Amino acid sequence: MMVQPAGDNSNEVYELLKKNEKNYHVYRREEIPGYYHYSDHPYIPPIVIIADLGWTLLTNKIPEWIGRDKGNHGYDNNQIDMHGIFLAEGPSFKSNYTTALYGTSISIPCSARFSI
């Protein structure tokens, strides 16, 4: 969740969120962990909140989709539960084969090769 405090009270808003930090982590833009690759763009607001695994952040406005959503995003991709699943089928793939975890840097070229 991105937070753009009104006026000049970023520190006050950050401190309030930090003091009540439970089931989420709050970061100043420059403190966001490097593995998110999410701190250098000018459109990123001064405060970012990231929910812990299994939790969702909502504003005080109740959206019409509440209860109908099938998923969410913005979680820590270092959590194994947030890793993607790659399934493949066809003559170029081994049957009943399982491999170790790997990043998308392997699956993207593979997908490109077989999508022609």
N, C-alpha and C. Protein backbone atom coordinates (compact mmCIF):
# COMPACT_ATOMS: atom_id res chain seq x y z
N MET A 1 0.86 -1.16 0.00
CA MET A 1 0.00 0.00 0.00
C MET A 1 0.90 1.22 0.00
N MET A 2 0.58 2.15 -0.86
CA MET A 2 1.36 3.37 -0.94
C MET A 2 0.65 4.48 -0.18
N VAL A 3 1.42 5.24 0.59
CA VAL A 3 0.84 6.30 1.42
C VAL A 3 1.50 7.62 1.06
N GLN A 4 0.67 8.55 0.65
CA GLN A 4 1.12 9.90 0.32
C GLN A 4 0.49 10.85 1.34
N PRO A 5 1.19 11.13 2.45
CA PRO A 5 0.61 12.00 3.46
C PRO A 5 0.34 13.40 2.92
N ALA A 6 -0.74 13.98 3.38
CA ALA A 6 -1.08 15.36 2.99
C ALA A 6 -0.14 16.32 3.69
N GLY A 7 0.22 17.35 2.99
CA GLY A 7 1.05 18.38 3.59
C GLY A 7 2.46 17.90 3.88
N ASP A 8 2.96 18.36 5.02
CA ASP A 8 4.36 18.11 5.37
C ASP A 8 4.47 17.18 6.59
N ASN A 9 3.54 16.24 6.73
CA ASN A 9 3.54 15.41 7.94
C ASN A 9 3.94 13.96 7.69
N SER A 10 4.84 13.71 6.76
CA SER A 10 5.30 12.35 6.48
C SER A 10 5.89 11.67 7.71
N ASN A 11 6.70 12.39 8.46
CA ASN A 11 7.31 11.79 9.65
C ASN A 11 6.27 11.39 10.68
N GLU A 12 5.28 12.24 10.89
CA GLU A 12 4.22 11.95 11.85
C GLU A 12 3.42 10.72 11.43
N VAL A 13 3.05 10.64 10.16
CA VAL A 13 2.29 9.50 9.65
C VAL A 13 3.13 8.23 9.74
N TYR A 14 4.40 8.31 9.34
CA TYR A 14 5.29 7.16 9.42
C TYR A 14 5.41 6.66 10.85
N GLU A 15 5.64 7.56 11.79
CA GLU A 15 5.80 7.16 13.20
C GLU A 15 4.54 6.49 13.74
N LEU A 16 3.37 6.99 13.39
CA LEU A 16 2.11 6.40 13.82
C LEU A 16 1.96 4.98 13.26
N LEU A 17 2.25 4.83 11.97
CA LEU A 17 2.17 3.50 11.35
C LEU A 17 3.21 2.55 11.95
N LYS A 18 4.40 3.04 12.17
CA LYS A 18 5.49 2.21 12.73
C LYS A 18 5.14 1.77 14.15
N LYS A 19 4.58 2.68 14.94
CA LYS A 19 4.21 2.37 16.32
C LYS A 19 3.15 1.26 16.38
N ASN A 20 2.27 1.22 15.40
CA ASN A 20 1.19 0.25 15.37
C ASN A 20 1.46 -0.92 14.41
N GLU A 21 2.71 -1.08 14.03
CA GLU A 21 3.09 -2.10 13.06
C GLU A 21 2.78 -3.51 13.58
N LYS A 22 1.75 -4.11 12.99
CA LYS A 22 1.37 -5.49 13.32
C LYS A 22 0.78 -6.10 12.06
N ASN A 23 1.31 -7.21 11.62
CA ASN A 23 0.89 -7.90 10.40
C ASN A 23 1.22 -7.12 9.14
N TYR A 24 2.09 -6.17 9.25
CA TYR A 24 2.60 -5.42 8.10
C TYR A 24 3.94 -4.81 8.48
N HIS A 25 4.66 -4.36 7.46
CA HIS A 25 5.89 -3.61 7.66
C HIS A 25 5.75 -2.28 6.94
N VAL A 26 6.15 -1.24 7.60
CA VAL A 26 6.08 0.09 7.01
C VAL A 26 7.50 0.57 6.74
N TYR A 27 7.68 1.18 5.56
CA TYR A 27 9.00 1.65 5.16
C TYR A 27 8.91 3.07 4.63
N ARG A 28 9.93 3.84 4.90
CA ARG A 28 10.13 5.07 4.15
C ARG A 28 10.66 4.63 2.79
N ARG A 29 10.39 5.39 1.78
CA ARG A 29 10.78 4.99 0.42
C ARG A 29 12.25 4.57 0.35
N GLU A 30 13.11 5.33 0.97
CA GLU A 30 14.54 5.03 0.90
C GLU A 30 14.95 3.82 1.76
N GLU A 31 14.04 3.30 2.58
CA GLU A 31 14.33 2.15 3.45
C GLU A 31 13.78 0.83 2.91
N ILE A 32 13.06 0.86 1.79
CA ILE A 32 12.47 -0.37 1.24
C ILE A 32 13.61 -1.33 0.93
N PRO A 33 13.50 -2.60 1.38
CA PRO A 33 14.58 -3.56 1.12
C PRO A 33 14.93 -3.62 -0.37
N GLY A 34 16.22 -3.72 -0.66
CA GLY A 34 16.71 -3.69 -2.03
C GLY A 34 16.15 -4.77 -2.93
N TYR A 35 15.83 -5.95 -2.37
CA TYR A 35 15.35 -7.03 -3.23
C TYR A 35 13.97 -6.76 -3.82
N TYR A 36 13.27 -5.73 -3.33
CA TYR A 36 12.00 -5.34 -3.95
C TYR A 36 12.22 -4.55 -5.25
N HIS A 37 13.42 -3.97 -5.42
CA HIS A 37 13.71 -3.13 -6.58
C HIS A 37 12.61 -2.08 -6.74
N TYR A 38 12.31 -1.42 -5.64
CA TYR A 38 11.14 -0.54 -5.60
C TYR A 38 11.41 0.66 -4.71
N SER A 39 12.34 1.50 -5.11
CA SER A 39 12.57 2.69 -4.29
C SER A 39 13.08 3.89 -5.07
N ASP A 40 13.49 3.69 -6.31
CA ASP A 40 14.13 4.78 -7.03
C ASP A 40 13.21 5.59 -7.93
N HIS A 41 12.01 5.13 -8.19
CA HIS A 41 11.13 5.84 -9.11
C HIS A 41 10.48 7.04 -8.42
N PRO A 42 10.37 8.18 -9.10
CA PRO A 42 9.79 9.37 -8.46
C PRO A 42 8.31 9.24 -8.11
N TYR A 43 7.59 8.30 -8.71
CA TYR A 43 6.17 8.13 -8.40
C TYR A 43 5.92 7.30 -7.14
N ILE A 44 6.96 6.71 -6.59
CA ILE A 44 6.80 5.96 -5.34
C ILE A 44 6.67 6.96 -4.21
N PRO A 45 5.59 6.86 -3.43
CA PRO A 45 5.36 7.85 -2.36
C PRO A 45 6.35 7.68 -1.21
N PRO A 46 6.35 8.61 -0.28
CA PRO A 46 7.32 8.56 0.81
C PRO A 46 7.15 7.39 1.77
N ILE A 47 5.95 6.80 1.84
CA ILE A 47 5.70 5.69 2.76
C ILE A 47 5.07 4.53 2.00
N VAL A 48 5.61 3.34 2.23
CA VAL A 48 5.08 2.12 1.62
C VAL A 48 4.84 1.11 2.73
N ILE A 49 3.67 0.46 2.68
CA ILE A 49 3.32 -0.57 3.66
C ILE A 49 3.20 -1.90 2.92
N ILE A 50 3.82 -2.93 3.46
CA ILE A 50 3.76 -4.26 2.85
C ILE A 50 3.16 -5.22 3.87
N ALA A 51 2.08 -5.87 3.48
CA ALA A 51 1.39 -6.80 4.37
C ALA A 51 2.24 -8.06 4.58
N ASP A 52 2.13 -8.62 5.76
CA ASP A 52 2.75 -9.92 6.02
C ASP A 52 1.98 -11.00 5.25
N LEU A 53 2.64 -12.10 5.01
CA LEU A 53 2.02 -13.23 4.32
C LEU A 53 0.72 -13.62 5.02
N GLY A 54 -0.36 -13.72 4.25
CA GLY A 54 -1.65 -14.10 4.80
C GLY A 54 -2.53 -12.93 5.21
N TRP A 55 -2.02 -11.72 5.08
CA TRP A 55 -2.78 -10.53 5.46
C TRP A 55 -2.99 -9.64 4.24
N THR A 56 -4.04 -8.86 4.25
CA THR A 56 -4.34 -7.93 3.17
C THR A 56 -4.54 -6.55 3.77
N LEU A 57 -4.09 -5.55 3.06
CA LEU A 57 -4.27 -4.16 3.49
C LEU A 57 -5.42 -3.54 2.71
N LEU A 58 -6.28 -2.83 3.40
CA LEU A 58 -7.39 -2.12 2.78
C LEU A 58 -7.43 -0.70 3.30
N THR A 59 -8.00 0.18 2.53
CA THR A 59 -8.23 1.54 3.02
C THR A 59 -9.52 1.53 3.83
N ASN A 60 -9.90 2.66 4.35
CA ASN A 60 -11.16 2.73 5.11
C ASN A 60 -12.38 2.78 4.21
N LYS A 61 -12.15 2.82 2.91
CA LYS A 61 -13.26 2.75 1.95
C LYS A 61 -13.51 1.28 1.64
N ILE A 62 -14.76 0.86 1.69
CA ILE A 62 -15.07 -0.55 1.43
C ILE A 62 -15.38 -0.71 -0.06
N PRO A 63 -14.48 -1.36 -0.79
CA PRO A 63 -14.71 -1.53 -2.22
C PRO A 63 -15.77 -2.60 -2.48
N GLU A 64 -16.42 -2.49 -3.64
CA GLU A 64 -17.49 -3.44 -3.99
C GLU A 64 -16.95 -4.85 -4.22
N TRP A 65 -15.64 -5.00 -4.49
CA TRP A 65 -15.11 -6.32 -4.78
C TRP A 65 -14.75 -7.10 -3.52
N ILE A 66 -14.86 -6.49 -2.36
CA ILE A 66 -14.47 -7.18 -1.14
C ILE A 66 -15.25 -8.49 -1.00
N GLY A 67 -14.56 -9.54 -0.73
CA GLY A 67 -15.19 -10.86 -0.61
C GLY A 67 -15.25 -11.61 -1.92
N ARG A 68 -15.02 -10.91 -3.03
CA ARG A 68 -15.04 -11.58 -4.34
C ARG A 68 -13.64 -11.77 -4.90
N ASP A 69 -12.65 -11.13 -4.30
CA ASP A 69 -11.30 -11.22 -4.86
C ASP A 69 -10.74 -12.63 -4.68
N LYS A 70 -9.97 -13.05 -5.65
CA LYS A 70 -9.41 -14.40 -5.66
C LYS A 70 -7.91 -14.40 -5.36
N GLY A 71 -7.35 -13.25 -5.13
CA GLY A 71 -5.93 -13.18 -4.86
C GLY A 71 -5.50 -11.76 -4.61
N ASN A 72 -4.23 -11.57 -4.45
CA ASN A 72 -3.70 -10.26 -4.17
C ASN A 72 -2.25 -10.22 -4.63
N HIS A 73 -1.62 -9.08 -4.53
CA HIS A 73 -0.22 -8.97 -4.90
C HIS A 73 0.46 -7.99 -3.95
N GLY A 74 1.78 -7.92 -4.07
CA GLY A 74 2.52 -7.00 -3.24
C GLY A 74 3.20 -7.66 -2.05
N TYR A 75 3.16 -8.98 -2.01
CA TYR A 75 3.81 -9.69 -0.91
C TYR A 75 5.30 -9.84 -1.17
N ASP A 76 6.00 -10.26 -0.17
CA ASP A 76 7.44 -10.46 -0.22
C ASP A 76 7.74 -11.70 -1.07
N ASN A 77 8.38 -11.51 -2.22
CA ASN A 77 8.66 -12.66 -3.08
C ASN A 77 9.80 -13.53 -2.56
N ASN A 78 10.37 -13.20 -1.42
CA ASN A 78 11.32 -14.10 -0.77
C ASN A 78 10.58 -15.20 0.00
N GLN A 79 9.28 -15.04 0.19
CA GLN A 79 8.47 -16.07 0.84
C GLN A 79 8.17 -17.16 -0.18
N ILE A 80 8.45 -18.39 0.14
CA ILE A 80 8.25 -19.48 -0.83
C ILE A 80 6.79 -19.60 -1.26
N ASP A 81 5.85 -19.24 -0.40
CA ASP A 81 4.44 -19.30 -0.77
C ASP A 81 4.09 -18.29 -1.86
N MET A 82 4.95 -17.33 -2.10
CA MET A 82 4.69 -16.32 -3.12
C MET A 82 5.39 -16.63 -4.44
N HIS A 83 6.11 -17.74 -4.50
CA HIS A 83 6.78 -18.10 -5.74
C HIS A 83 5.76 -18.58 -6.76
N GLY A 84 6.09 -18.39 -8.01
CA GLY A 84 5.20 -18.83 -9.09
C GLY A 84 5.29 -20.33 -9.32
N ILE A 85 4.39 -20.82 -10.12
CA ILE A 85 4.37 -22.23 -10.49
C ILE A 85 4.57 -22.30 -11.99
N PHE A 86 5.45 -23.17 -12.44
CA PHE A 86 5.69 -23.34 -13.87
C PHE A 86 5.34 -24.77 -14.23
N LEU A 87 4.34 -24.94 -15.04
CA LEU A 87 3.92 -26.25 -15.53
C LEU A 87 4.13 -26.28 -17.03
N ALA A 88 4.64 -27.39 -17.54
CA ALA A 88 4.88 -27.50 -18.97
C ALA A 88 4.45 -28.88 -19.45
N GLU A 89 4.03 -28.92 -20.69
CA GLU A 89 3.55 -30.18 -21.27
C GLU A 89 3.90 -30.18 -22.75
N GLY A 90 4.23 -31.33 -23.27
CA GLY A 90 4.51 -31.44 -24.70
C GLY A 90 5.74 -32.27 -24.96
N PRO A 91 6.07 -32.48 -26.22
CA PRO A 91 7.15 -33.38 -26.59
C PRO A 91 8.54 -32.90 -26.16
N SER A 92 8.70 -31.62 -25.91
CA SER A 92 10.02 -31.11 -25.51
C SER A 92 10.26 -31.17 -24.01
N PHE A 93 9.29 -31.68 -23.26
CA PHE A 93 9.42 -31.72 -21.80
C PHE A 93 9.36 -33.16 -21.30
N LYS A 94 10.14 -33.45 -20.26
CA LYS A 94 10.14 -34.78 -19.64
C LYS A 94 8.81 -35.01 -18.93
N SER A 95 8.34 -36.24 -18.92
CA SER A 95 7.11 -36.60 -18.20
C SER A 95 7.39 -36.78 -16.72
N ASN A 96 6.48 -36.34 -15.89
CA ASN A 96 6.56 -36.51 -14.43
C ASN A 96 7.90 -36.03 -13.86
N TYR A 97 8.38 -34.92 -14.35
CA TYR A 97 9.67 -34.38 -13.93
C TYR A 97 9.46 -33.21 -12.99
N THR A 98 10.17 -33.22 -11.88
CA THR A 98 10.15 -32.11 -10.93
C THR A 98 11.57 -31.60 -10.78
N THR A 99 11.73 -30.31 -10.72
CA THR A 99 13.06 -29.72 -10.59
C THR A 99 13.10 -28.82 -9.35
N ALA A 100 14.27 -28.35 -9.04
CA ALA A 100 14.44 -27.44 -7.90
C ALA A 100 13.85 -26.07 -8.24
N LEU A 101 13.76 -25.22 -7.24
CA LEU A 101 13.27 -23.86 -7.45
C LEU A 101 14.21 -23.11 -8.39
N TYR A 102 13.63 -22.24 -9.18
CA TYR A 102 14.43 -21.39 -10.04
C TYR A 102 13.67 -20.10 -10.29
N GLY A 103 14.36 -19.10 -10.76
CA GLY A 103 13.73 -17.80 -10.99
C GLY A 103 13.10 -17.70 -12.37
N THR A 104 12.42 -16.61 -12.60
CA THR A 104 11.76 -16.39 -13.89
C THR A 104 12.76 -16.19 -15.01
N SER A 105 14.02 -15.96 -14.68
CA SER A 105 15.03 -15.78 -15.73
C SER A 105 15.18 -17.06 -16.55
N ILE A 106 14.79 -18.19 -16.02
CA ILE A 106 14.84 -19.45 -16.76
C ILE A 106 13.54 -19.68 -17.52
N SER A 107 12.40 -19.40 -16.90
CA SER A 107 11.12 -19.71 -17.53
C SER A 107 10.77 -18.75 -18.67
N ILE A 108 11.22 -17.52 -18.62
CA ILE A 108 10.87 -16.55 -19.68
C ILE A 108 11.46 -16.97 -21.03
N PRO A 109 12.77 -17.28 -21.12
CA PRO A 109 13.27 -17.73 -22.43
C PRO A 109 12.61 -19.01 -22.90
N CYS A 110 12.31 -19.90 -21.97
CA CYS A 110 11.64 -21.15 -22.32
C CYS A 110 10.26 -20.85 -22.91
N SER A 111 9.51 -19.98 -22.28
CA SER A 111 8.18 -19.61 -22.78
C SER A 111 8.29 -18.95 -24.14
N ALA A 112 9.27 -18.10 -24.33
CA ALA A 112 9.43 -17.42 -25.62
C ALA A 112 9.74 -18.42 -26.72
N ARG A 113 10.56 -19.40 -26.41
CA ARG A 113 10.97 -20.39 -27.42
C ARG A 113 9.77 -21.21 -27.89
N PHE A 114 8.87 -21.58 -26.98
CA PHE A 114 7.76 -22.46 -27.32
C PHE A 114 6.49 -21.72 -27.70
N SER A 115 6.51 -20.40 -27.66
CA SER A 115 5.30 -19.68 -28.01
C SER A 115 5.28 -19.29 -29.49
N ILE A 116 6.30 -19.62 -30.21
CA ILE A 116 6.39 -19.26 -31.64
C ILE A 116 5.45 -20.11 -32.48
